[in-house]
Amino acid sequence: MVDTALVTQKKQNSSESVVKHSLYSNQFIYQSLFTQLSDGFAYCKLLFDKSGADAFDYVFCDLNQSFRNITQLGNESVVGKKVSELFPW
């Protein structure tokens, strides 16, 4: 008699493996695009007010090399900071 819990666990592990492989593949594709893009690109996180309706600022999460070359801003001086800290209006 086959242990159904064991079969179910094997199927679940196999499905998780397929999902993980797909995620890693997508991550590689997007990371390659990000690093090889000739246009400056900054990956940012929007910050919303308490109601969640209006964005009021954003934080730099990552920059590609082209962005750093164009703006002369390095990762150390930008990543993790709000745009309002860097460029007060």
N, C-alpha and C. Protein backbone atom coordinates (compact mmCIF):
# COMPACT_ATOMS: atom_id res chain seq x y z
N MET A 1 0.85 -1.19 0.00
CA MET A 1 0.00 0.00 0.00
C MET A 1 0.89 1.25 0.00
N VAL A 2 0.55 2.23 -0.83
CA VAL A 2 1.33 3.45 -0.98
C VAL A 2 0.89 4.46 0.07
N ASP A 3 1.88 5.07 0.69
CA ASP A 3 1.60 6.11 1.68
C ASP A 3 1.22 7.39 0.94
N THR A 4 -0.07 7.79 1.03
CA THR A 4 -0.56 8.95 0.27
C THR A 4 0.09 10.25 0.75
N ALA A 5 0.45 10.33 2.02
CA ALA A 5 1.11 11.54 2.53
C ALA A 5 2.47 11.72 1.87
N LEU A 6 3.18 10.62 1.66
CA LEU A 6 4.49 10.67 1.03
C LEU A 6 4.37 11.08 -0.43
N VAL A 7 3.39 10.53 -1.14
CA VAL A 7 3.17 10.88 -2.54
C VAL A 7 2.79 12.36 -2.66
N THR A 8 1.91 12.81 -1.78
CA THR A 8 1.49 14.21 -1.78
C THR A 8 2.68 15.12 -1.51
N GLN A 9 3.52 14.75 -0.57
CA GLN A 9 4.70 15.55 -0.24
C GLN A 9 5.65 15.62 -1.44
N LYS A 10 5.84 14.50 -2.14
CA LYS A 10 6.71 14.49 -3.32
C LYS A 10 6.17 15.41 -4.40
N LYS A 11 4.86 15.37 -4.64
CA LYS A 11 4.24 16.24 -5.64
C LYS A 11 4.41 17.70 -5.25
N GLN A 12 4.21 17.99 -3.97
CA GLN A 12 4.34 19.37 -3.49
C GLN A 12 5.79 19.84 -3.65
N ASN A 13 6.76 19.00 -3.29
CA ASN A 13 8.17 19.36 -3.44
C ASN A 13 8.52 19.59 -4.90
N SER A 14 7.98 18.76 -5.79
CA SER A 14 8.23 18.91 -7.22
C SER A 14 7.64 20.22 -7.72
N SER A 15 6.44 20.55 -7.31
CA SER A 15 5.80 21.81 -7.70
C SER A 15 6.60 23.00 -7.19
N GLU A 16 7.05 22.94 -5.95
CA GLU A 16 7.85 24.02 -5.38
C GLU A 16 9.15 24.18 -6.15
N SER A 17 9.73 23.09 -6.56
CA SER A 17 10.97 23.13 -7.33
C SER A 17 10.77 23.83 -8.67
N VAL A 18 9.66 23.53 -9.34
CA VAL A 18 9.35 24.17 -10.62
C VAL A 18 9.15 25.67 -10.42
N VAL A 19 8.43 26.05 -9.38
CA VAL A 19 8.18 27.47 -9.09
C VAL A 19 9.49 28.19 -8.78
N LYS A 20 10.33 27.59 -7.94
CA LYS A 20 11.61 28.20 -7.60
C LYS A 20 12.47 28.38 -8.84
N HIS A 21 12.52 27.37 -9.69
CA HIS A 21 13.31 27.47 -10.92
C HIS A 21 12.79 28.60 -11.80
N SER A 22 11.49 28.73 -11.91
CA SER A 22 10.89 29.79 -12.71
C SER A 22 11.23 31.16 -12.13
N LEU A 23 11.16 31.29 -10.81
CA LEU A 23 11.50 32.56 -10.16
C LEU A 23 12.96 32.94 -10.40
N TYR A 24 13.86 31.97 -10.25
CA TYR A 24 15.28 32.23 -10.47
C TYR A 24 15.54 32.62 -11.93
N SER A 25 14.86 31.96 -12.86
CA SER A 25 15.03 32.29 -14.28
C SER A 25 14.56 33.71 -14.56
N ASN A 26 13.39 34.07 -14.04
CA ASN A 26 12.86 35.42 -14.23
C ASN A 26 13.77 36.46 -13.58
N GLN A 27 14.26 36.14 -12.39
CA GLN A 27 15.15 37.06 -11.69
C GLN A 27 16.41 37.31 -12.53
N PHE A 28 16.97 36.26 -13.11
CA PHE A 28 18.16 36.39 -13.95
C PHE A 28 17.87 37.26 -15.17
N ILE A 29 16.74 37.04 -15.81
CA ILE A 29 16.37 37.81 -17.01
C ILE A 29 16.24 39.29 -16.66
N TYR A 30 15.49 39.61 -15.60
CA TYR A 30 15.28 41.00 -15.25
C TYR A 30 16.56 41.66 -14.73
N GLN A 31 17.38 40.93 -14.01
CA GLN A 31 18.65 41.48 -13.53
C GLN A 31 19.57 41.78 -14.71
N SER A 32 19.59 40.90 -15.71
CA SER A 32 20.40 41.13 -16.90
C SER A 32 19.91 42.36 -17.65
N LEU A 33 18.60 42.48 -17.81
CA LEU A 33 18.02 43.64 -18.48
C LEU A 33 18.38 44.92 -17.72
N PHE A 34 18.24 44.91 -16.42
CA PHE A 34 18.52 46.05 -15.56
C PHE A 34 19.98 46.50 -15.69
N THR A 35 20.91 45.56 -15.67
CA THR A 35 22.32 45.92 -15.69
C THR A 35 22.81 46.30 -17.09
N GLN A 36 22.20 45.75 -18.14
CA GLN A 36 22.68 46.02 -19.49
C GLN A 36 21.92 47.14 -20.20
N LEU A 37 20.91 47.67 -19.58
CA LEU A 37 20.11 48.75 -20.16
C LEU A 37 20.98 49.99 -20.33
N SER A 38 20.96 50.59 -21.52
CA SER A 38 21.78 51.78 -21.77
C SER A 38 21.13 53.04 -21.20
N ASP A 39 19.83 53.01 -20.96
CA ASP A 39 19.13 54.13 -20.33
C ASP A 39 19.33 54.07 -18.82
N GLY A 40 19.36 55.25 -18.22
CA GLY A 40 19.44 55.28 -16.76
C GLY A 40 18.14 54.77 -16.16
N PHE A 41 18.25 53.91 -15.15
CA PHE A 41 17.07 53.33 -14.54
C PHE A 41 17.27 53.26 -13.03
N ALA A 42 16.28 53.75 -12.31
CA ALA A 42 16.28 53.66 -10.85
C ALA A 42 15.05 52.89 -10.42
N TYR A 43 15.25 51.86 -9.62
CA TYR A 43 14.15 51.09 -9.05
C TYR A 43 13.81 51.74 -7.72
N CYS A 44 12.56 52.19 -7.59
CA CYS A 44 12.16 52.97 -6.42
C CYS A 44 10.90 52.39 -5.77
N LYS A 45 10.74 52.72 -4.50
CA LYS A 45 9.54 52.33 -3.74
C LYS A 45 8.76 53.60 -3.42
N LEU A 46 7.49 53.63 -3.84
CA LEU A 46 6.64 54.78 -3.54
C LEU A 46 6.22 54.78 -2.08
N LEU A 47 6.16 55.95 -1.49
CA LEU A 47 5.67 56.12 -0.12
C LEU A 47 4.33 56.83 -0.19
N PHE A 48 3.33 56.27 0.47
CA PHE A 48 1.98 56.81 0.43
C PHE A 48 1.60 57.44 1.76
N ASP A 49 0.65 58.37 1.70
CA ASP A 49 0.14 58.98 2.92
C ASP A 49 -0.66 57.94 3.73
N LYS A 50 -1.13 58.34 4.90
CA LYS A 50 -1.82 57.40 5.79
C LYS A 50 -3.08 56.81 5.18
N SER A 51 -3.72 57.55 4.29
CA SER A 51 -4.94 57.03 3.66
C SER A 51 -4.60 56.01 2.57
N GLY A 52 -3.35 56.04 2.11
CA GLY A 52 -2.93 55.13 1.05
C GLY A 52 -3.33 55.59 -0.33
N ALA A 53 -3.91 56.78 -0.41
CA ALA A 53 -4.42 57.27 -1.70
C ALA A 53 -3.39 58.07 -2.49
N ASP A 54 -2.53 58.79 -1.78
CA ASP A 54 -1.61 59.70 -2.46
C ASP A 54 -0.16 59.38 -2.14
N ALA A 55 0.65 59.29 -3.18
CA ALA A 55 2.09 59.12 -3.01
C ALA A 55 2.68 60.48 -2.69
N PHE A 56 3.57 60.53 -1.70
CA PHE A 56 4.17 61.81 -1.33
C PHE A 56 5.68 61.83 -1.47
N ASP A 57 6.30 60.68 -1.67
CA ASP A 57 7.75 60.61 -1.79
C ASP A 57 8.11 59.23 -2.32
N TYR A 58 9.37 59.02 -2.61
CA TYR A 58 9.82 57.68 -2.95
C TYR A 58 11.25 57.47 -2.49
N VAL A 59 11.59 56.19 -2.33
CA VAL A 59 12.91 55.78 -1.85
C VAL A 59 13.62 55.05 -2.99
N PHE A 60 14.87 55.38 -3.21
CA PHE A 60 15.68 54.67 -4.20
C PHE A 60 16.06 53.30 -3.64
N CYS A 61 15.75 52.24 -4.38
CA CYS A 61 16.07 50.88 -3.96
C CYS A 61 17.29 50.33 -4.69
N ASP A 62 17.44 50.69 -5.96
CA ASP A 62 18.57 50.21 -6.75
C ASP A 62 18.74 51.10 -7.96
N LEU A 63 19.96 51.19 -8.46
CA LEU A 63 20.28 52.00 -9.63
C LEU A 63 21.09 51.15 -10.59
N ASN A 64 20.87 51.35 -11.89
CA ASN A 64 21.75 50.66 -12.82
C ASN A 64 22.95 51.56 -13.12
N GLN A 65 23.96 51.00 -13.76
CA GLN A 65 25.19 51.73 -14.02
C GLN A 65 24.94 52.96 -14.88
N SER A 66 24.06 52.86 -15.85
CA SER A 66 23.76 54.01 -16.71
C SER A 66 23.19 55.17 -15.89
N PHE A 67 22.32 54.89 -14.94
CA PHE A 67 21.77 55.94 -14.08
C PHE A 67 22.89 56.61 -13.30
N ARG A 68 23.79 55.80 -12.75
CA ARG A 68 24.92 56.36 -11.98
C ARG A 68 25.81 57.22 -12.87
N ASN A 69 26.06 56.77 -14.11
CA ASN A 69 26.90 57.54 -15.02
C ASN A 69 26.24 58.86 -15.42
N ILE A 70 24.95 58.83 -15.71
CA ILE A 70 24.23 60.02 -16.16
C ILE A 70 24.12 61.05 -15.03
N THR A 71 23.78 60.59 -13.84
CA THR A 71 23.51 61.51 -12.73
C THR A 71 24.74 61.81 -11.87
N GLN A 72 25.78 61.00 -12.04
CA GLN A 72 26.99 61.10 -11.20
C GLN A 72 26.67 60.85 -9.72
N LEU A 73 25.61 60.10 -9.48
CA LEU A 73 25.23 59.71 -8.12
C LEU A 73 25.57 58.24 -7.94
N GLY A 74 26.21 57.90 -6.85
CA GLY A 74 26.56 56.51 -6.59
C GLY A 74 25.54 55.82 -5.71
N ASN A 75 25.61 54.50 -5.67
CA ASN A 75 24.70 53.72 -4.82
C ASN A 75 24.76 54.17 -3.37
N GLU A 76 25.96 54.42 -2.86
CA GLU A 76 26.12 54.75 -1.44
C GLU A 76 25.41 56.04 -1.08
N SER A 77 25.39 57.00 -2.00
CA SER A 77 24.78 58.29 -1.70
C SER A 77 23.29 58.35 -1.99
N VAL A 78 22.74 57.31 -2.65
CA VAL A 78 21.34 57.38 -3.09
C VAL A 78 20.48 56.24 -2.54
N VAL A 79 20.94 55.01 -2.66
CA VAL A 79 20.12 53.86 -2.31
C VAL A 79 19.72 53.90 -0.82
N GLY A 80 18.42 53.72 -0.59
CA GLY A 80 17.88 53.74 0.76
C GLY A 80 17.43 55.12 1.22
N LYS A 81 17.62 56.12 0.38
CA LYS A 81 17.25 57.48 0.76
C LYS A 81 16.02 57.94 -0.01
N LYS A 82 15.27 58.83 0.63
CA LYS A 82 14.11 59.43 -0.01
C LYS A 82 14.59 60.50 -0.99
N VAL A 83 13.83 60.67 -2.07
CA VAL A 83 14.18 61.71 -3.04
C VAL A 83 14.10 63.09 -2.39
N SER A 84 13.20 63.27 -1.44
CA SER A 84 13.07 64.57 -0.76
C SER A 84 14.29 64.89 0.10
N GLU A 85 15.03 63.86 0.55
CA GLU A 85 16.27 64.08 1.28
C GLU A 85 17.39 64.54 0.34
N LEU A 86 17.40 63.95 -0.85
CA LEU A 86 18.47 64.23 -1.80
C LEU A 86 18.26 65.51 -2.57
N PHE A 87 17.01 65.79 -2.89
CA PHE A 87 16.67 66.97 -3.71
C PHE A 87 15.55 67.74 -3.05
N PRO A 88 15.84 68.45 -1.97
CA PRO A 88 14.77 69.22 -1.31
C PRO A 88 14.27 70.35 -2.22
N TRP A 89 13.00 70.51 -2.27
CA TRP A 89 12.40 71.52 -3.16
C TRP A 89 12.21 72.77 -2.42
